[in-house]
PDB file of N, CA and C in Angstrom:
ATOM      1  N   HIS A   1      88.039 198.188  65.835  1.00  0.00           N
ATOM      2  CA  HIS A   1      89.248 199.001  66.014  1.00  0.00           C
ATOM      3  C   HIS A   1      90.433 198.285  65.383  1.00  0.00           C
ATOM      4  N   ASN A   2      91.275 199.020  64.690  1.00  0.00           N
ATOM      5  CA  ASN A   2      92.457 198.432  64.060  1.00  0.00           C
ATOM      6  C   ASN A   2      93.653 198.621  64.980  1.00  0.00           C
ATOM      7  N   PHE A   3      93.906 197.617  65.821  1.00  0.00           N
ATOM      8  CA  PHE A   3      95.019 197.709  66.760  1.00  0.00           C
ATOM      9  C   PHE A   3      96.358 197.681  66.033  1.00  0.00           C
ATOM     10  N   CYS A   4      96.428 196.986  64.915  1.00  0.00           N
ATOM     11  CA  CYS A   4      97.678 196.916  64.156  1.00  0.00           C
ATOM     12  C   CYS A   4      98.098 198.298  63.671  1.00  0.00           C
ATOM     13  N   ALA A   5      97.127 199.135  63.328  1.00  0.00           N
ATOM     14  CA  ALA A   5      97.429 200.476  62.828  1.00  0.00           C
ATOM     15  C   ALA A   5      97.956 201.381  63.937  1.00  0.00           C
ATOM     16  N   ASP A   6      97.793 200.966  65.191  1.00  0.00           N
ATOM     17  CA  ASP A   6      98.272 201.769  66.315  1.00  0.00           C
ATOM     18  C   ASP A   6      99.775 201.654  66.506  1.00  0.00           C
ATOM     19  N   GLY A   7     100.441 200.908  65.652  1.00  0.00           N
ATOM     20  CA  GLY A   7     101.891 200.802  65.737  1.00  0.00           C
ATOM     21  C   GLY A   7     102.365 199.547  66.431  1.00  0.00           C
ATOM     22  N   HIS A   8     101.606 198.478  66.281  1.00  0.00           N
ATOM     23  CA  HIS A   8     102.028 197.199  66.849  1.00  0.00           C
ATOM     24  C   HIS A   8     103.317 196.761  66.176  1.00  0.00           C
ATOM     25  N   ARG A   9     104.263 196.270  66.972  1.00  0.00           N
ATOM     26  CA  ARG A   9     105.588 195.961  66.440  1.00  0.00           C
ATOM     27  C   ARG A   9     105.743 194.472  66.153  1.00  0.00           C
ATOM     28  N   CYS A  10     105.467 194.093  64.934  1.00  0.00           N
ATOM     29  CA  CYS A  10     105.732 192.722  64.506  1.00  0.00           C
ATOM     30  C   CYS A  10     106.951 192.747  63.595  1.00  0.00           C
ATOM     31  N   GLY A  11     107.775 191.722  63.692  1.00  0.00           N
ATOM     32  CA  GLY A  11     109.012 191.682  62.929  1.00  0.00           C
ATOM     33  C   GLY A  11     108.794 191.412  61.451  1.00  0.00           C
ATOM     34  N   GLU A  12     109.909 191.312  60.735  1.00  0.00           N
ATOM     35  CA  GLU A  12     109.880 191.143  59.279  1.00  0.00           C
ATOM     36  C   GLU A  12     109.119 189.905  58.838  1.00  0.00           C
ATOM     37  N   ASN A  13     109.303 188.807  59.562  1.00  0.00           N
ATOM     38  CA  ASN A  13     108.732 187.534  59.131  1.00  0.00           C
ATOM     39  C   ASN A  13     107.448 187.183  59.868  1.00  0.00           C
ATOM     40  N   SER A  14     106.825 188.199  60.462  1.00  0.00           N
ATOM     41  CA  SER A  14     105.540 187.976  61.116  1.00  0.00           C
ATOM     42  C   SER A  14     104.559 189.036  60.654  1.00  0.00           C
ATOM     43  N   GLU A  15     103.266 188.759  60.849  1.00  0.00           N
ATOM     44  CA  GLU A  15     102.243 189.716  60.463  1.00  0.00           C
ATOM     45  C   GLU A  15     101.326 189.985  61.643  1.00  0.00           C
ATOM     46  N   CYS A  16     100.789 191.185  61.662  1.00  0.00           N
ATOM     47  CA  CYS A  16      99.902 191.588  62.743  1.00  0.00           C
ATOM     48  C   CYS A  16      98.486 191.098  62.449  1.00  0.00           C
ATOM     49  N   ARG A  17      97.820 190.589  63.484  1.00  0.00           N
ATOM     50  CA  ARG A  17      96.430 190.152  63.371  1.00  0.00           C
ATOM     51  C   ARG A  17      95.594 190.890  64.407  1.00  0.00           C
ATOM     52  N   ASN A  18      94.493 191.464  63.975  1.00  0.00           N
ATOM     53  CA  ASN A  18      93.591 192.148  64.892  1.00  0.00           C
ATOM     54  C   ASN A  18      92.656 191.161  65.567  1.00  0.00           C
ATOM     55  N   HIS A  19      92.436 191.356  66.866  1.00  0.00           N
ATOM     56  CA  HIS A  19      91.447 190.590  67.616  1.00  0.00           C
ATOM     57  C   HIS A  19      90.500 191.581  68.285  1.00  0.00           C
ATOM     58  N   ASN A  20      89.519 191.079  69.014  1.00  0.00           N
ATOM     59  CA  ASN A  20      88.509 191.959  69.606  1.00  0.00           C
ATOM     60  C   ASN A  20      89.098 193.005  70.537  1.00  0.00           C
ATOM     61  N   ASN A  21      90.123 192.637  71.298  1.00  0.00           N
ATOM     62  CA  ASN A  21      90.615 193.550  72.326  1.00  0.00           C
ATOM     63  C   ASN A  21      92.103 193.828  72.246  1.00  0.00           C
ATOM     64  N   LYS A  22      92.784 193.277  71.229  1.00  0.00           N
ATOM     65  CA  LYS A  22      94.227 193.480  71.132  1.00  0.00           C
ATOM     66  C   LYS A  22      94.713 193.037  69.763  1.00  0.00           C
ATOM     67  N   ALA A  23      95.993 193.283  69.521  1.00  0.00           N
ATOM     68  CA  ALA A  23      96.633 192.779  68.310  1.00  0.00           C
ATOM     69  C   ALA A  23      97.677 191.755  68.715  1.00  0.00           C
ATOM     70  N   THR A  24      97.860 190.750  67.862  1.00  0.00           N
ATOM     71  CA  THR A  24      98.911 189.772  68.107  1.00  0.00           C
ATOM     72  C   THR A  24      99.739 189.623  66.843  1.00  0.00           C
ATOM     73  N   CYS A  25     100.932 189.081  66.994  1.00  0.00           N
ATOM     74  CA  CYS A  25     101.776 188.779  65.844  1.00  0.00           C
ATOM     75  C   CYS A  25     101.689 187.289  65.558  1.00  0.00           C
ATOM     76  N   GLU A  26     101.734 186.948  64.287  1.00  0.00           N
ATOM     77  CA  GLU A  26     101.756 185.551  63.866  1.00  0.00           C
ATOM     78  C   GLU A  26     102.851 185.382  62.833  1.00  0.00           C
ATOM     79  N   CYS A  27     103.610 184.305  62.972  1.00  0.00           N
ATOM     80  CA  CYS A  27     104.670 184.035  62.000  1.00  0.00           C
ATOM     81  C   CYS A  27     104.071 183.746  60.630  1.00  0.00           C
ATOM     82  N   LEU A  28     104.753 184.199  59.603  1.00  0.00           N
ATOM     83  CA  LEU A  28     104.356 183.871  58.244  1.00  0.00           C
ATOM     84  C   LEU A  28     104.599 182.390  57.989  1.00  0.00           C
ATOM     85  N   SER A  29     103.962 181.866  56.976  1.00  0.00           N
ATOM     86  CA  SER A  29     104.105 180.455  56.635  1.00  0.00           C
ATOM     87  C   SER A  29     105.569 180.105  56.397  1.00  0.00           C
ATOM     88  N   GLY A  30     106.023 179.028  57.031  1.00  0.00           N
ATOM     89  CA  GLY A  30     107.399 178.591  56.857  1.00  0.00           C
ATOM     90  C   GLY A  30     108.365 179.159  57.876  1.00  0.00           C
ATOM     91  N   PHE A  31     107.896 180.039  58.754  1.00  0.00           N
ATOM     92  CA  PHE A  31     108.754 180.623  59.787  1.00  0.00           C
ATOM     93  C   PHE A  31     108.330 180.131  61.164  1.00  0.00           C
ATOM     94  N   GLN A  32     109.292 180.101  62.085  1.00  0.00           N
ATOM     95  CA  GLN A  32     109.044 179.652  63.452  1.00  0.00           C
ATOM     96  C   GLN A  32     109.348 180.791  64.417  1.00  0.00           C
ATOM     97  N   PRO A  33     108.607 180.872  65.539  1.00  0.00           N
ATOM     98  CA  PRO A  33     108.898 181.909  66.535  1.00  0.00           C
ATOM     99  C   PRO A  33     110.295 181.741  67.113  1.00  0.00           C
ATOM    100  N   ILE A  34     110.987 182.845  67.330  1.00  0.00           N
ATOM    101  CA  ILE A  34     112.287 182.825  67.993  1.00  0.00           C
ATOM    102  C   ILE A  34     112.033 182.907  69.493  1.00  0.00           C
ATOM    103  N   GLN A  35     112.506 181.928  70.240  1.00  0.00           N
ATOM    104  CA  GLN A  35     112.318 181.871  71.693  1.00  0.00           C
ATOM    105  C   GLN A  35     110.848 182.006  72.069  1.00  0.00           C
ATOM    106  N   GLY A  36     109.960 181.436  71.259  1.00  0.00           N
ATOM    107  CA  GLY A  36     108.544 181.424  71.581  1.00  0.00           C
ATOM    108  C   GLY A  36     107.824 182.747  71.384  1.00  0.00           C
ATOM    109  N   ASP A  37     108.484 183.730  70.783  1.00  0.00           N
ATOM    110  CA  ASP A  37     107.870 185.036  70.570  1.00  0.00           C
ATOM    111  C   ASP A  37     107.497 185.213  69.102  1.00  0.00           C
ATOM    112  N   PRO A  38     106.203 185.129  68.764  1.00  0.00           N
ATOM    113  CA  PRO A  38     105.798 185.213  67.358  1.00  0.00           C
ATOM    114  C   PRO A  38     105.956 186.602  66.745  1.00  0.00           C
ATOM    115  N   ALA A  39     106.394 187.588  67.527  1.00  0.00           N
ATOM    116  CA  ALA A  39     106.705 188.887  66.931  1.00  0.00           C
ATOM    117  C   ALA A  39     108.013 188.803  66.152  1.00  0.00           C
ATOM    118  N   TYR A  40     108.837 187.819  66.497  1.00  0.00           N
ATOM    119  CA  TYR A  40     110.139 187.642  65.846  1.00  0.00           C
ATOM    120  C   TYR A  40     110.255 186.202  65.379  1.00  0.00           C
ATOM    121  N   CYS A  41     110.294 186.023  64.075  1.00  0.00           N
ATOM    122  CA  CYS A  41     110.269 184.681  63.498  1.00  0.00           C
ATOM    123  C   CYS A  41     111.463 184.477  62.580  1.00  0.00           C
ATOM    124  N   GLU A  42     111.852 183.207  62.449  1.00  0.00           N
ATOM    125  CA  GLU A  42     112.965 182.884  61.552  1.00  0.00           C
ATOM    126  C   GLU A  42     112.665 181.618  60.788  1.00  0.00           C
TER     127      GLU A  42
END
């Protein structure tokens, strides 16, 4: 199942990654999570 295609909200500097039971956001190379949230990176 493509959880990312379901409208997962990852920010500009992060990318969505599919896992077995959910989607997560990961910061792109060179970016750090803002307040520990990898959906929003700077």
